[in-house]
PDB file of N, CA and C in Angstrom:
ATOM      1  N   MET A   1     121.525  42.997-184.825  1.00  0.00           N
ATOM      2  CA  MET A   1     121.843  41.237-183.666  1.00  0.00           C
ATOM      3  C   MET A   1     122.831  41.985-183.265  1.00  0.00           C
ATOM      4  N   ARG A   2     123.980  41.702-183.149  1.00  0.00           N
ATOM      5  CA  ARG A   2     125.115  41.606-182.356  1.00  0.00           C
ATOM      6  C   ARG A   2     125.093  42.941-181.257  1.00  0.00           C
ATOM      7  N   HIS A   3     124.480  43.577-181.459  1.00  0.00           N
ATOM      8  CA  HIS A   3     124.041  45.206-180.622  1.00  0.00           C
ATOM      9  C   HIS A   3     123.610  43.607-179.274  1.00  0.00           C
ATOM     10  N   VAL A   4     122.393  43.468-179.185  1.00  0.00           N
ATOM     11  CA  VAL A   4     121.433  43.033-178.995  1.00  0.00           C
ATOM     12  C   VAL A   4     121.550  41.710-178.405  1.00  0.00           C
ATOM     13  N   LEU A   5     122.573  41.157-178.486  1.00  0.00           N
ATOM     14  CA  LEU A   5     123.391  40.147-178.051  1.00  0.00           C
ATOM     15  C   LEU A   5     124.146  40.568-177.064  1.00  0.00           C
ATOM     16  N   THR A   6     124.516  41.029-177.420  1.00  0.00           N
ATOM     17  CA  THR A   6     125.996  41.551-176.186  1.00  0.00           C
ATOM     18  C   THR A   6     125.785  42.604-175.551  1.00  0.00           C
ATOM     19  N   ALA A   7     124.494  43.464-175.449  1.00  0.00           N
ATOM     20  CA  ALA A   7     124.163  45.037-174.284  1.00  0.00           C
ATOM     21  C   ALA A   7     123.148  44.163-173.877  1.00  0.00           C
ATOM     22  N   TYR A   8     122.582  43.818-174.325  1.00  0.00           N
ATOM     23  CA  TYR A   8     121.311  43.069-172.757  1.00  0.00           C
ATOM     24  C   TYR A   8     121.166  41.594-172.956  1.00  0.00           C
ATOM     25  N   ARG A   9     120.569  41.697-171.032  1.00  0.00           N
ATOM     26  CA  ARG A   9     121.325  40.321-170.474  1.00  0.00           C
ATOM     27  C   ARG A   9     119.997  39.741-170.057  1.00  0.00           C
ATOM     28  N   THR A  10     118.679  40.473-169.816  1.00  0.00           N
ATOM     29  CA  THR A  10     117.322  39.799-169.312  1.00  0.00           C
ATOM     30  C   THR A  10     116.466  39.231-170.396  1.00  0.00           C
ATOM     31  N   TRP A  11     116.088  38.606-170.726  1.00  0.00           N
ATOM     32  CA  TRP A  11     115.036  38.171-172.167  1.00  0.00           C
ATOM     33  C   TRP A  11     113.844  37.388-171.416  1.00  0.00           C
ATOM     34  N   ALA A  12     113.049  37.842-171.673  1.00  0.00           N
ATOM     35  CA  ALA A  12     111.594  37.174-171.752  1.00  0.00           C
ATOM     36  C   ALA A  12     111.133  36.819-173.121  1.00  0.00           C
ATOM     37  N   VAL A  13     111.300  34.993-172.892  1.00  0.00           N
ATOM     38  CA  VAL A  13     111.280  34.588-173.763  1.00  0.00           C
ATOM     39  C   VAL A  13     109.288  34.351-174.109  1.00  0.00           C
ATOM     40  N   VAL A  14     108.886  34.837-174.936  1.00  0.00           N
ATOM     41  CA  VAL A  14     107.062  34.985-174.946  1.00  0.00           C
ATOM     42  C   VAL A  14     106.902  33.374-175.935  1.00  0.00           C
ATOM     43  N   GLY A  15     106.480  32.288-175.203  1.00  0.00           N
ATOM     44  CA  GLY A  15     105.594  31.459-175.872  1.00  0.00           C
ATOM     45  C   GLY A  15     106.066  30.012-175.280  1.00  0.00           C
ATOM     46  N   CYS A  16     107.321  29.870-174.232  1.00  0.00           N
ATOM     47  CA  CYS A  16     108.289  29.123-174.262  1.00  0.00           C
ATOM     48  C   CYS A  16     107.495  28.332-173.222  1.00  0.00           C
ATOM     49  N   SER A  17     107.756  26.499-174.058  1.00  0.00           N
ATOM     50  CA  SER A  17     107.222  25.799-174.538  1.00  0.00           C
ATOM     51  C   SER A  17     107.666  24.442-173.243  1.00  0.00           C
ATOM     52  N   PRO A  18     106.626  24.106-171.799  1.00  0.00           N
ATOM     53  CA  PRO A  18     107.542  23.134-170.612  1.00  0.00           C
ATOM     54  C   PRO A  18     107.737  22.303-171.321  1.00  0.00           C
ATOM     55  N   ASP A  19     107.679  21.204-172.841  1.00  0.00           N
ATOM     56  CA  ASP A  19     107.575  20.560-173.219  1.00  0.00           C
ATOM     57  C   ASP A  19     109.986  20.419-173.925  1.00  0.00           C
ATOM     58  N   PRO A  20     111.134  20.180-173.114  1.00  0.00           N
ATOM     59  CA  PRO A  20     112.532  20.511-173.410  1.00  0.00           C
ATOM     60  C   PRO A  20     112.351  20.018-174.919  1.00  0.00           C
ATOM     61  N   LEU A  21     111.666  19.367-175.790  1.00  0.00           N
ATOM     62  CA  LEU A  21     111.429  19.017-177.059  1.00  0.00           C
ATOM     63  C   LEU A  21     111.461  19.941-178.403  1.00  0.00           C
ATOM     64  N   ARG A  22     111.025  21.320-177.929  1.00  0.00           N
ATOM     65  CA  ARG A  22     110.770  22.068-177.996  1.00  0.00           C
ATOM     66  C   ARG A  22     111.475  23.116-178.344  1.00  0.00           C
ATOM     67  N   ASP A  23     112.008  23.913-179.577  1.00  0.00           N
ATOM     68  CA  ASP A  23     112.768  24.662-179.835  1.00  0.00           C
ATOM     69  C   ASP A  23     111.692  26.030-178.460  1.00  0.00           C
ATOM     70  N   SER A  24     110.922  26.533-178.362  1.00  0.00           N
ATOM     71  CA  SER A  24     111.596  27.402-177.066  1.00  0.00           C
ATOM     72  C   SER A  24     111.864  27.642-176.042  1.00  0.00           C
ATOM     73  N   HIS A  25     111.895  25.913-175.680  1.00  0.00           N
ATOM     74  CA  HIS A  25     111.711  25.291-173.911  1.00  0.00           C
ATOM     75  C   HIS A  25     113.782  25.670-174.080  1.00  0.00           C
ATOM     76  N   SER A  26     114.536  24.884-175.773  1.00  0.00           N
ATOM     77  CA  SER A  26     116.103  24.718-175.897  1.00  0.00           C
ATOM     78  C   SER A  26     116.373  26.733-175.339  1.00  0.00           C
ATOM     79  N   ILE A  27     116.695  27.180-176.516  1.00  0.00           N
ATOM     80  CA  ILE A  27     116.396  28.384-176.464  1.00  0.00           C
ATOM     81  C   ILE A  27     116.629  28.762-175.765  1.00  0.00           C
ATOM     82  N   ALA A  28     115.472  29.768-174.399  1.00  0.00           N
ATOM     83  CA  ALA A  28     115.880  29.804-172.940  1.00  0.00           C
ATOM     84  C   ALA A  28     116.199  28.793-172.178  1.00  0.00           C
ATOM     85  N   ASP A  29     117.061  27.736-172.725  1.00  0.00           N
ATOM     86  CA  ASP A  29     118.090  27.023-171.704  1.00  0.00           C
ATOM     87  C   ASP A  29     119.410  27.701-172.487  1.00  0.00           C
ATOM     88  N   LEU A  30     119.225  27.156-174.084  1.00  0.00           N
ATOM     89  CA  LEU A  30     121.074  27.824-174.415  1.00  0.00           C
ATOM     90  C   LEU A  30     120.632  29.638-173.543  1.00  0.00           C
ATOM     91  N   LEU A  31     120.032  30.614-173.310  1.00  0.00           N
ATOM     92  CA  LEU A  31     119.918  31.493-173.261  1.00  0.00           C
ATOM     93  C   LEU A  31     120.867  31.761-172.018  1.00  0.00           C
ATOM     94  N   GLU A  32     119.888  30.720-170.970  1.00  0.00           N
ATOM     95  CA  GLU A  32     120.773  30.530-170.205  1.00  0.00           C
ATOM     96  C   GLU A  32     122.419  29.763-169.504  1.00  0.00           C
ATOM     97  N   ARG A  33     122.723  29.258-170.005  1.00  0.00           N
ATOM     98  CA  ARG A  33     123.530  28.833-169.974  1.00  0.00           C
ATOM     99  C   ARG A  33     125.023  29.847-171.022  1.00  0.00           C
ATOM    100  N   SER A  34     124.353  30.027-171.654  1.00  0.00           N
ATOM    101  CA  SER A  34     124.514  31.214-171.805  1.00  0.00           C
ATOM    102  C   SER A  34     125.125  33.176-171.349  1.00  0.00           C
ATOM    103  N   GLY A  35     124.773  32.789-170.027  1.00  0.00           N
ATOM    104  CA  GLY A  35     124.665  33.270-169.100  1.00  0.00           C
ATOM    105  C   GLY A  35     124.030  34.934-169.021  1.00  0.00           C
ATOM    106  N   TYR A  36     122.748  35.110-169.989  1.00  0.00           N
ATOM    107  CA  TYR A  36     121.350  35.713-169.793  1.00  0.00           C
ATOM    108  C   TYR A  36     120.875  35.442-168.892  1.00  0.00           C
ATOM    109  N   ASP A  37     119.922  36.425-168.384  1.00  0.00           N
ATOM    110  CA  ASP A  37     118.682  35.958-166.981  1.00  0.00           C
ATOM    111  C   ASP A  37     117.410  35.967-168.028  1.00  0.00           C
ATOM    112  N   VAL A  38     116.860  34.865-167.928  1.00  0.00           N
ATOM    113  CA  VAL A  38     116.033  34.464-168.635  1.00  0.00           C
ATOM    114  C   VAL A  38     114.654  34.059-167.782  1.00  0.00           C
ATOM    115  N   VAL A  39     113.597  34.657-168.786  1.00  0.00           N
ATOM    116  CA  VAL A  39     112.254  35.212-167.891  1.00  0.00           C
ATOM    117  C   VAL A  39     111.122  35.062-169.088  1.00  0.00           C
ATOM    118  N   ARG A  40     109.949  32.985-168.427  1.00  0.00           N
ATOM    119  CA  ARG A  40     110.015  32.398-169.763  1.00  0.00           C
ATOM    120  C   ARG A  40     108.123  32.912-169.361  1.00  0.00           C
ATOM    121  N   VAL A  41     107.647  32.839-170.023  1.00  0.00           N
ATOM    122  CA  VAL A  41     106.179  33.600-170.450  1.00  0.00           C
ATOM    123  C   VAL A  41     104.889  32.609-171.655  1.00  0.00           C
ATOM    124  N   ASN A  42     104.202  32.072-170.415  1.00  0.00           N
ATOM    125  CA  ASN A  42     103.237  30.915-171.302  1.00  0.00           C
ATOM    126  C   ASN A  42     102.077  30.532-170.537  1.00  0.00           C
ATOM    127  N   PRO A  43     101.385  31.170-170.350  1.00  0.00           N
ATOM    128  CA  PRO A  43      99.626  31.406-169.693  1.00  0.00           C
ATOM    129  C   PRO A  43      99.412  30.049-169.447  1.00  0.00           C
ATOM    130  N   ALA A  44     100.280  28.513-170.062  1.00  0.00           N
ATOM    131  CA  ALA A  44      99.159  28.255-169.653  1.00  0.00           C
ATOM    132  C   ALA A  44     100.498  26.387-169.708  1.00  0.00           C
ATOM    133  N   TRP A  45     101.090  27.622-168.441  1.00  0.00           N
ATOM    134  CA  TRP A  45     102.262  26.639-167.970  1.00  0.00           C
ATOM    135  C   TRP A  45     103.116  27.452-166.137  1.00  0.00           C
ATOM    136  N   ASP A  46     102.510  26.871-166.003  1.00  0.00           N
ATOM    137  CA  ASP A  46     102.900  27.221-163.457  1.00  0.00           C
ATOM    138  C   ASP A  46     103.645  27.755-163.593  1.00  0.00           C
ATOM    139  N   ALA A  47     104.772  26.901-164.075  1.00  0.00           N
ATOM    140  CA  ALA A  47     106.627  27.229-164.181  1.00  0.00           C
ATOM    141  C   ALA A  47     106.657  28.995-164.594  1.00  0.00           C
ATOM    142  N   ALA A  48     105.339  29.125-165.464  1.00  0.00           N
ATOM    143  CA  ALA A  48     105.984  31.018-165.980  1.00  0.00           C
ATOM    144  C   ALA A  48     105.453  31.433-165.957  1.00  0.00           C
ATOM    145  N   TYR A  49     106.013  32.918-166.568  1.00  0.00           N
ATOM    146  CA  TYR A  49     104.795  34.028-165.957  1.00  0.00           C
ATOM    147  C   TYR A  49     103.029  33.812-167.481  1.00  0.00           C
ATOM    148  N   PRO A  50     102.214  34.097-167.048  1.00  0.00           N
ATOM    149  CA  PRO A  50     100.927  34.006-167.615  1.00  0.00           C
ATOM    150  C   PRO A  50     101.056  34.299-168.656  1.00  0.00           C
ATOM    151  N   SER A  51     102.218  36.376-168.617  1.00  0.00           N
ATOM    152  CA  SER A  51     102.135  37.219-169.842  1.00  0.00           C
ATOM    153  C   SER A  51     103.589  38.461-169.724  1.00  0.00           C
ATOM    154  N   LEU A  52     103.018  39.159-170.897  1.00  0.00           N
ATOM    155  CA  LEU A  52     104.166  39.493-169.901  1.00  0.00           C
ATOM    156  C   LEU A  52     104.140  41.024-170.188  1.00  0.00           C
ATOM    157  N   GLU A  53     103.430  41.200-169.026  1.00  0.00           N
ATOM    158  CA  GLU A  53     102.344  42.205-168.441  1.00  0.00           C
ATOM    159  C   GLU A  53     102.871  41.522-166.345  1.00  0.00           C
ATOM    160  N   ALA A  54     102.645  40.718-166.361  1.00  0.00           N
ATOM    161  CA  ALA A  54     103.281  40.373-165.679  1.00  0.00           C
ATOM    162  C   ALA A  54     104.702  39.459-165.085  1.00  0.00           C
ATOM    163  N   ALA A  55     105.608  39.649-166.381  1.00  0.00           N
ATOM    164  CA  ALA A  55     106.908  39.318-165.722  1.00  0.00           C
ATOM    165  C   ALA A  55     107.132  40.457-165.860  1.00  0.00           C
ATOM    166  N   ALA A  56     107.145  41.688-166.173  1.00  0.00           N
ATOM    167  CA  ALA A  56     107.510  42.705-166.929  1.00  0.00           C
ATOM    168  C   ALA A  56     107.013  43.738-165.101  1.00  0.00           C
ATOM    169  N   ALA A  57     106.195  43.158-164.314  1.00  0.00           N
ATOM    170  CA  ALA A  57     106.207  43.847-162.967  1.00  0.00           C
ATOM    171  C   ALA A  57     107.367  43.348-161.941  1.00  0.00           C
ATOM    172  N   GLU A  58     107.792  42.548-162.411  1.00  0.00           N
ATOM    173  CA  GLU A  58     108.652  42.224-161.123  1.00  0.00           C
ATOM    174  C   GLU A  58     110.484  42.162-162.042  1.00  0.00           C
ATOM    175  N   HIS A  59     109.758  42.056-163.792  1.00  0.00           N
ATOM    176  CA  HIS A  59     111.290  42.643-164.274  1.00  0.00           C
ATOM    177  C   HIS A  59     112.087  42.818-165.014  1.00  0.00           C
ATOM    178  N   ASP A  60     113.440  43.422-165.010  1.00  0.00           N
ATOM    179  CA  ASP A  60     113.208  45.079-166.355  1.00  0.00           C
ATOM    180  C   ASP A  60     114.026  43.759-167.253  1.00  0.00           C
ATOM    181  N   ILE A  61     112.591  43.513-168.388  1.00  0.00           N
ATOM    182  CA  ILE A  61     113.634  43.753-169.096  1.00  0.00           C
ATOM    183  C   ILE A  61     113.766  44.089-170.968  1.00  0.00           C
ATOM    184  N   ASP A  62     114.904  43.314-170.660  1.00  0.00           N
ATOM    185  CA  ASP A  62     115.731  43.977-171.885  1.00  0.00           C
ATOM    186  C   ASP A  62     114.829  43.638-173.825  1.00  0.00           C
ATOM    187  N   VAL A  63     115.051  41.688-173.750  1.00  0.00           N
ATOM    188  CA  VAL A  63     114.895  41.634-174.750  1.00  0.00           C
ATOM    189  C   VAL A  63     113.395  40.617-174.899  1.00  0.00           C
ATOM    190  N   VAL A  64     112.437  40.932-175.817  1.00  0.00           N
ATOM    191  CA  VAL A  64     111.671  40.434-176.209  1.00  0.00           C
ATOM    192  C   VAL A  64     111.538  39.109-176.820  1.00  0.00           C
ATOM    193  N   ASP A  65     111.865  37.503-176.883  1.00  0.00           N
ATOM    194  CA  ASP A  65     111.721  37.045-177.639  1.00  0.00           C
ATOM    195  C   ASP A  65     110.288  35.969-177.945  1.00  0.00           C
ATOM    196  N   VAL A  66     110.392  36.768-178.932  1.00  0.00           N
ATOM    197  CA  VAL A  66     108.561  36.166-179.337  1.00  0.00           C
ATOM    198  C   VAL A  66     108.839  34.792-180.645  1.00  0.00           C
ATOM    199  N   PHE A  67     108.616  33.262-179.482  1.00  0.00           N
ATOM    200  CA  PHE A  67     108.402  32.373-180.256  1.00  0.00           C
ATOM    201  C   PHE A  67     106.016  31.340-180.778  1.00  0.00           C
ATOM    202  N   ARG A  68     105.807  32.526-181.479  1.00  0.00           N
ATOM    203  CA  ARG A  68     104.453  32.917-181.492  1.00  0.00           C
ATOM    204  C   ARG A  68     104.537  32.578-183.115  1.00  0.00           C
ATOM    205  N   ARG A  69     103.094  31.925-183.425  1.00  0.00           N
ATOM    206  CA  ARG A  69     103.239  32.628-185.036  1.00  0.00           C
ATOM    207  C   ARG A  69     103.425  33.601-185.720  1.00  0.00           C
ATOM    208  N   SER A  70     103.283  34.121-186.733  1.00  0.00           N
ATOM    209  CA  SER A  70     103.595  35.442-186.765  1.00  0.00           C
ATOM    210  C   SER A  70     102.397  36.179-187.330  1.00  0.00           C
ATOM    211  N   ASP A  71     101.015  35.320-187.465  1.00  0.00           N
ATOM    212  CA  ASP A  71      99.776  36.730-186.885  1.00  0.00           C
ATOM    213  C   ASP A  71      99.575  37.146-185.380  1.00  0.00           C
ATOM    214  N   GLN A  72     100.461  36.311-185.123  1.00  0.00           N
ATOM    215  CA  GLN A  72     100.444  36.618-183.238  1.00  0.00           C
ATOM    216  C   GLN A  72     101.675  37.813-182.715  1.00  0.00           C
ATOM    217  N   ALA A  73     102.308  37.524-183.145  1.00  0.00           N
ATOM    218  CA  ALA A  73     103.708  38.553-183.313  1.00  0.00           C
ATOM    219  C   ALA A  73     103.378  39.893-182.468  1.00  0.00           C
ATOM    220  N   GLY A  74     101.988  40.688-183.241  1.00  0.00           N
ATOM    221  CA  GLY A  74     102.350  41.571-183.100  1.00  0.00           C
ATOM    222  C   GLY A  74     101.697  42.317-182.405  1.00  0.00           C
ATOM    223  N   ALA A  75     101.261  41.235-181.217  1.00  0.00           N
ATOM    224  CA  ALA A  75     100.383  41.841-180.644  1.00  0.00           C
ATOM    225  C   ALA A  75     101.365  41.731-178.969  1.00  0.00           C
ATOM    226  N   HIS A  76     103.016  40.148-179.157  1.00  0.00           N
ATOM    227  CA  HIS A  76     103.436  41.011-178.524  1.00  0.00           C
ATOM    228  C   HIS A  76     104.644  41.778-178.620  1.00  0.00           C
ATOM    229  N   VAL A  77     103.947  42.417-179.727  1.00  0.00           N
ATOM    230  CA  VAL A  77     105.801  42.809-180.217  1.00  0.00           C
ATOM    231  C   VAL A  77     104.988  44.769-179.355  1.00  0.00           C
ATOM    232  N   ASP A  78     103.472  45.054-179.947  1.00  0.00           N
ATOM    233  CA  ASP A  78     102.769  45.528-178.834  1.00  0.00           C
ATOM    234  C   ASP A  78     102.714  45.791-177.040  1.00  0.00           C
ATOM    235  N   GLU A  79     103.170  45.113-176.665  1.00  0.00           N
ATOM    236  CA  GLU A  79     103.796  44.923-175.047  1.00  0.00           C
ATOM    237  C   GLU A  79     104.977  44.581-175.218  1.00  0.00           C
ATOM    238  N   ALA A  80     105.299  44.580-175.706  1.00  0.00           N
ATOM    239  CA  ALA A  80     107.301  44.888-175.318  1.00  0.00           C
ATOM    240  C   ALA A  80     106.980  46.296-175.550  1.00  0.00           C
ATOM    241  N   ILE A  81     106.675  46.835-177.271  1.00  0.00           N
ATOM    242  CA  ILE A  81     106.906  48.791-175.874  1.00  0.00           C
ATOM    243  C   ILE A  81     105.846  48.998-175.267  1.00  0.00           C
ATOM    244  N   ALA A  82     105.199  48.583-174.779  1.00  0.00           N
ATOM    245  CA  ALA A  82     104.416  48.729-173.475  1.00  0.00           C
ATOM    246  C   ALA A  82     105.608  48.293-173.037  1.00  0.00           C
ATOM    247  N   ILE A  83     105.793  47.635-172.173  1.00  0.00           N
ATOM    248  CA  ILE A  83     106.857  47.214-171.215  1.00  0.00           C
ATOM    249  C   ILE A  83     107.692  47.759-171.148  1.00  0.00           C
ATOM    250  N   GLY A  84     108.708  48.447-172.245  1.00  0.00           N
ATOM    251  CA  GLY A  84     109.536  49.307-172.030  1.00  0.00           C
ATOM    252  C   GLY A  84     110.253  49.061-172.711  1.00  0.00           C
ATOM    253  N   ALA A  85     110.529  47.567-173.430  1.00  0.00           N
ATOM    254  CA  ALA A  85     111.838  46.571-173.893  1.00  0.00           C
ATOM    255  C   ALA A  85     112.741  46.584-174.087  1.00  0.00           C
ATOM    256  N   ARG A  86     114.203  46.996-174.353  1.00  0.00           N
ATOM    257  CA  ARG A  86     114.724  47.765-175.871  1.00  0.00           C
ATOM    258  C   ARG A  86     114.589  47.144-177.003  1.00  0.00           C
ATOM    259  N   ALA A  87     114.553  45.478-176.833  1.00  0.00           N
ATOM    260  CA  ALA A  87     114.243  44.956-178.377  1.00  0.00           C
ATOM    261  C   ALA A  87     113.376  43.794-178.080  1.00  0.00           C
ATOM    262  N   VAL A  88     113.000  43.678-179.522  1.00  0.00           N
ATOM    263  CA  VAL A  88     112.026  42.631-179.463  1.00  0.00           C
ATOM    264  C   VAL A  88     112.722  41.819-180.821  1.00  0.00           C
ATOM    265  N   TRP A  89     112.627  40.534-180.452  1.00  0.00           N
ATOM    266  CA  TRP A  89     113.563  38.966-180.929  1.00  0.00           C
ATOM    267  C   TRP A  89     112.084  38.058-181.406  1.00  0.00           C
ATOM    268  N   LEU A  90     112.262  38.577-183.418  1.00  0.00           N
ATOM    269  CA  LEU A  90     111.436  37.628-183.595  1.00  0.00           C
ATOM    270  C   LEU A  90     112.268  36.857-184.420  1.00  0.00           C
ATOM    271  N   GLN A  91     111.246  35.337-183.682  1.00  0.00           N
ATOM    272  CA  GLN A  91     112.341  33.352-183.988  1.00  0.00           C
ATOM    273  C   GLN A  91     112.727  33.163-186.151  1.00  0.00           C
ATOM    274  N   LEU A  92     112.835  32.454-186.660  1.00  0.00           N
ATOM    275  CA  LEU A  92     112.941  32.166-187.525  1.00  0.00           C
ATOM    276  C   LEU A  92     111.026  31.628-187.224  1.00  0.00           C
ATOM    277  N   GLY A  93     111.348  32.348-188.705  1.00  0.00           N
ATOM    278  CA  GLY A  93     110.056  31.758-189.536  1.00  0.00           C
ATOM    279  C   GLY A  93     108.718  32.636-189.284  1.00  0.00           C
ATOM    280  N   VAL A  94     108.953  33.094-188.109  1.00  0.00           N
ATOM    281  CA  VAL A  94     108.120  34.885-187.359  1.00  0.00           C
ATOM    282  C   VAL A  94     108.520  35.843-188.125  1.00  0.00           C
ATOM    283  N   ILE A  95     108.024  36.459-188.664  1.00  0.00           N
ATOM    284  CA  ILE A  95     107.750  37.870-190.080  1.00  0.00           C
ATOM    285  C   ILE A  95     106.880  39.018-189.659  1.00  0.00           C
ATOM    286  N   ASP A  96     106.967  40.393-189.781  1.00  0.00           N
ATOM    287  CA  ASP A  96     105.908  40.587-189.228  1.00  0.00           C
ATOM    288  C   ASP A  96     105.788  41.684-189.356  1.00  0.00           C
ATOM    289  N   GLU A  97     105.984  42.401-190.545  1.00  0.00           N
ATOM    290  CA  GLU A  97     107.012  43.330-190.867  1.00  0.00           C
ATOM    291  C   GLU A  97     106.510  45.148-190.001  1.00  0.00           C
ATOM    292  N   ALA A  98     105.170  45.226-190.190  1.00  0.00           N
ATOM    293  CA  ALA A  98     103.951  45.925-189.747  1.00  0.00           C
ATOM    294  C   ALA A  98     104.356  46.088-188.132  1.00  0.00           C
ATOM    295  N   ALA A  99     104.496  45.183-187.373  1.00  0.00           N
ATOM    296  CA  ALA A  99     104.663  44.913-185.714  1.00  0.00           C
ATOM    297  C   ALA A  99     106.590  46.154-185.709  1.00  0.00           C
ATOM    298  N   ALA A 100     107.452  44.549-186.501  1.00  0.00           N
ATOM    299  CA  ALA A 100     108.985  45.460-186.714  1.00  0.00           C
ATOM    300  C   ALA A 100     108.933  47.233-186.353  1.00  0.00           C
ATOM    301  N   GLU A 101     108.355  47.385-187.364  1.00  0.00           N
ATOM    302  CA  GLU A 101     108.191  49.001-187.506  1.00  0.00           C
ATOM    303  C   GLU A 101     107.890  50.219-186.753  1.00  0.00           C
ATOM    304  N   ARG A 102     106.952  49.063-186.106  1.00  0.00           N
ATOM    305  CA  ARG A 102     106.271  49.695-184.838  1.00  0.00           C
ATOM    306  C   ARG A 102     106.798  49.745-183.604  1.00  0.00           C
ATOM    307  N   ALA A 103     108.055  49.034-183.613  1.00  0.00           N
ATOM    308  CA  ALA A 103     109.164  48.519-182.500  1.00  0.00           C
ATOM    309  C   ALA A 103     109.775  49.781-182.738  1.00  0.00           C
ATOM    310  N   ARG A 104     110.442  49.395-184.775  1.00  0.00           N
ATOM    311  CA  ARG A 104     111.501  50.401-184.134  1.00  0.00           C
ATOM    312  C   ARG A 104     111.437  51.782-184.312  1.00  0.00           C
ATOM    313  N   ALA A 105     109.711  52.096-184.295  1.00  0.00           N
ATOM    314  CA  ALA A 105     109.522  53.792-184.653  1.00  0.00           C
ATOM    315  C   ALA A 105     108.944  54.231-182.825  1.00  0.00           C
ATOM    316  N   ALA A 106     109.129  53.324-182.046  1.00  0.00           N
ATOM    317  CA  ALA A 106     109.202  53.340-180.507  1.00  0.00           C
ATOM    318  C   ALA A 106     110.493  52.857-179.949  1.00  0.00           C
ATOM    319  N   GLY A 107     111.599  53.076-181.122  1.00  0.00           N
ATOM    320  CA  GLY A 107     113.037  53.295-180.402  1.00  0.00           C
ATOM    321  C   GLY A 107     113.557  51.682-180.058  1.00  0.00           C
ATOM    322  N   LEU A 108     112.773  50.351-180.515  1.00  0.00           N
ATOM    323  CA  LEU A 108     113.082  49.923-179.798  1.00  0.00           C
ATOM    324  C   LEU A 108     114.449  48.673-180.946  1.00  0.00           C
ATOM    325  N   ASP A 109     115.373  48.006-180.661  1.00  0.00           N
ATOM    326  CA  ASP A 109     116.017  46.885-181.247  1.00  0.00           C
ATOM    327  C   ASP A 109     115.001  46.585-182.018  1.00  0.00           C
ATOM    328  N   VAL A 110     114.601  45.938-183.753  1.00  0.00           N
ATOM    329  CA  VAL A 110     114.096  44.692-184.036  1.00  0.00           C
ATOM    330  C   VAL A 110     115.957  43.518-184.375  1.00  0.00           C
ATOM    331  N   VAL A 111     115.153  42.252-183.971  1.00  0.00           N
ATOM    332  CA  VAL A 111     115.465  41.016-184.598  1.00  0.00           C
ATOM    333  C   VAL A 111     114.894  40.464-185.671  1.00  0.00           C
ATOM    334  N   MET A 112     114.969  40.298-186.812  1.00  0.00           N
ATOM    335  CA  MET A 112     113.726  39.666-187.432  1.00  0.00           C
ATOM    336  C   MET A 112     114.083  37.736-187.646  1.00  0.00           C
ATOM    337  N   ASP A 113     113.578  37.160-187.913  1.00  0.00           N
ATOM    338  CA  ASP A 113     113.481  35.561-188.443  1.00  0.00           C
ATOM    339  C   ASP A 113     115.272  35.482-188.400  1.00  0.00           C
ATOM    340  N   ARG A 114     115.229  35.189-187.047  1.00  0.00           N
ATOM    341  CA  ARG A 114     116.248  35.177-186.808  1.00  0.00           C
ATOM    342  C   ARG A 114     116.205  33.998-185.955  1.00  0.00           C
ATOM    343  N   CYS A 115     118.336  34.014-185.169  1.00  0.00           N
ATOM    344  CA  CYS A 115     117.613  32.574-183.978  1.00  0.00           C
ATOM    345  C   CYS A 115     118.970  32.426-182.682  1.00  0.00           C
ATOM    346  N   PRO A 116     118.140  32.207-182.002  1.00  0.00           N
ATOM    347  CA  PRO A 116     119.295  33.096-181.140  1.00  0.00           C
ATOM    348  C   PRO A 116     120.829  31.289-180.462  1.00  0.00           C
ATOM    349  N   ARG A 117     120.638  30.498-180.953  1.00  0.00           N
ATOM    350  CA  ARG A 117     121.169  29.682-181.631  1.00  0.00           C
ATOM    351  C   ARG A 117     122.516  29.494-182.455  1.00  0.00           C
ATOM    352  N   ILE A 118     121.725  29.465-184.016  1.00  0.00           N
ATOM    353  CA  ILE A 118     122.396  30.657-184.573  1.00  0.00           C
ATOM    354  C   ILE A 118     123.277  31.329-184.481  1.00  0.00           C
ATOM    355  N   GLU A 119     123.275  32.405-184.138  1.00  0.00           N
ATOM    356  CA  GLU A 119     123.631  33.931-184.792  1.00  0.00           C
ATOM    357  C   GLU A 119     124.600  33.797-182.870  1.00  0.00           C
ATOM    358  N   LEU A 120     124.752  33.370-182.410  1.00  0.00           N
ATOM    359  CA  LEU A 120     125.163  33.414-180.505  1.00  0.00           C
ATOM    360  C   LEU A 120     126.579  33.516-181.339  1.00  0.00           C
ATOM    361  N   PRO A 121     126.819  31.189-181.829  1.00  0.00           N
ATOM    362  CA  PRO A 121     128.144  31.094-182.406  1.00  0.00           C
ATOM    363  C   PRO A 121     128.945  31.764-183.300  1.00  0.00           C
ATOM    364  N   ARG A 122     128.199  32.954-183.549  1.00  0.00           N
ATOM    365  CA  ARG A 122     129.180  33.369-184.574  1.00  0.00           C
ATOM    366  C   ARG A 122     129.380  35.431-184.300  1.00  0.00           C
ATOM    367  N   LEU A 123     129.321  35.598-182.449  1.00  0.00           N
ATOM    368  CA  LEU A 123     130.064  35.946-182.740  1.00  0.00           C
ATOM    369  C   LEU A 123     130.576  36.281-182.408  1.00  0.00           C
TER     370      LEU A 123
END
C-alpha cells in the first residue's frame, strides 16, 4: 500500500461522482490536494471520461481506484490490466479476491478494502 501511495502519481477514479457529498468525489479531491494527478471516470458525468479506456487514451494511468460495488469491480480490474495500469485500489467494502488475483498475476499491485483518506496520513 505504501508503494502504491508513494510511487504512482496518476490515479483514475472509476465511479467518481459529481456530488461533492459522495466519497468518490471527496477522495478524488483529496488525492489532487495531495499532489496526485486525478482522472475522473463516470459515463453519467459530462466532466468525466466515459470509460477507463477513453481516459487511458489521453493519460498514462498508474492506479485505477475503483468506487463500484464488489460485483462490478472485476470488470474494472480487467480494464486496468488491459490499459497497462500499474496498480488497482479497491475502496473500503469493495472486495473481489478473484479479480485481485488476476491483477497480481498480470503484475499489478493490489490494494483492497482500503481508503486513501485513512492511509495517506499514515505515511
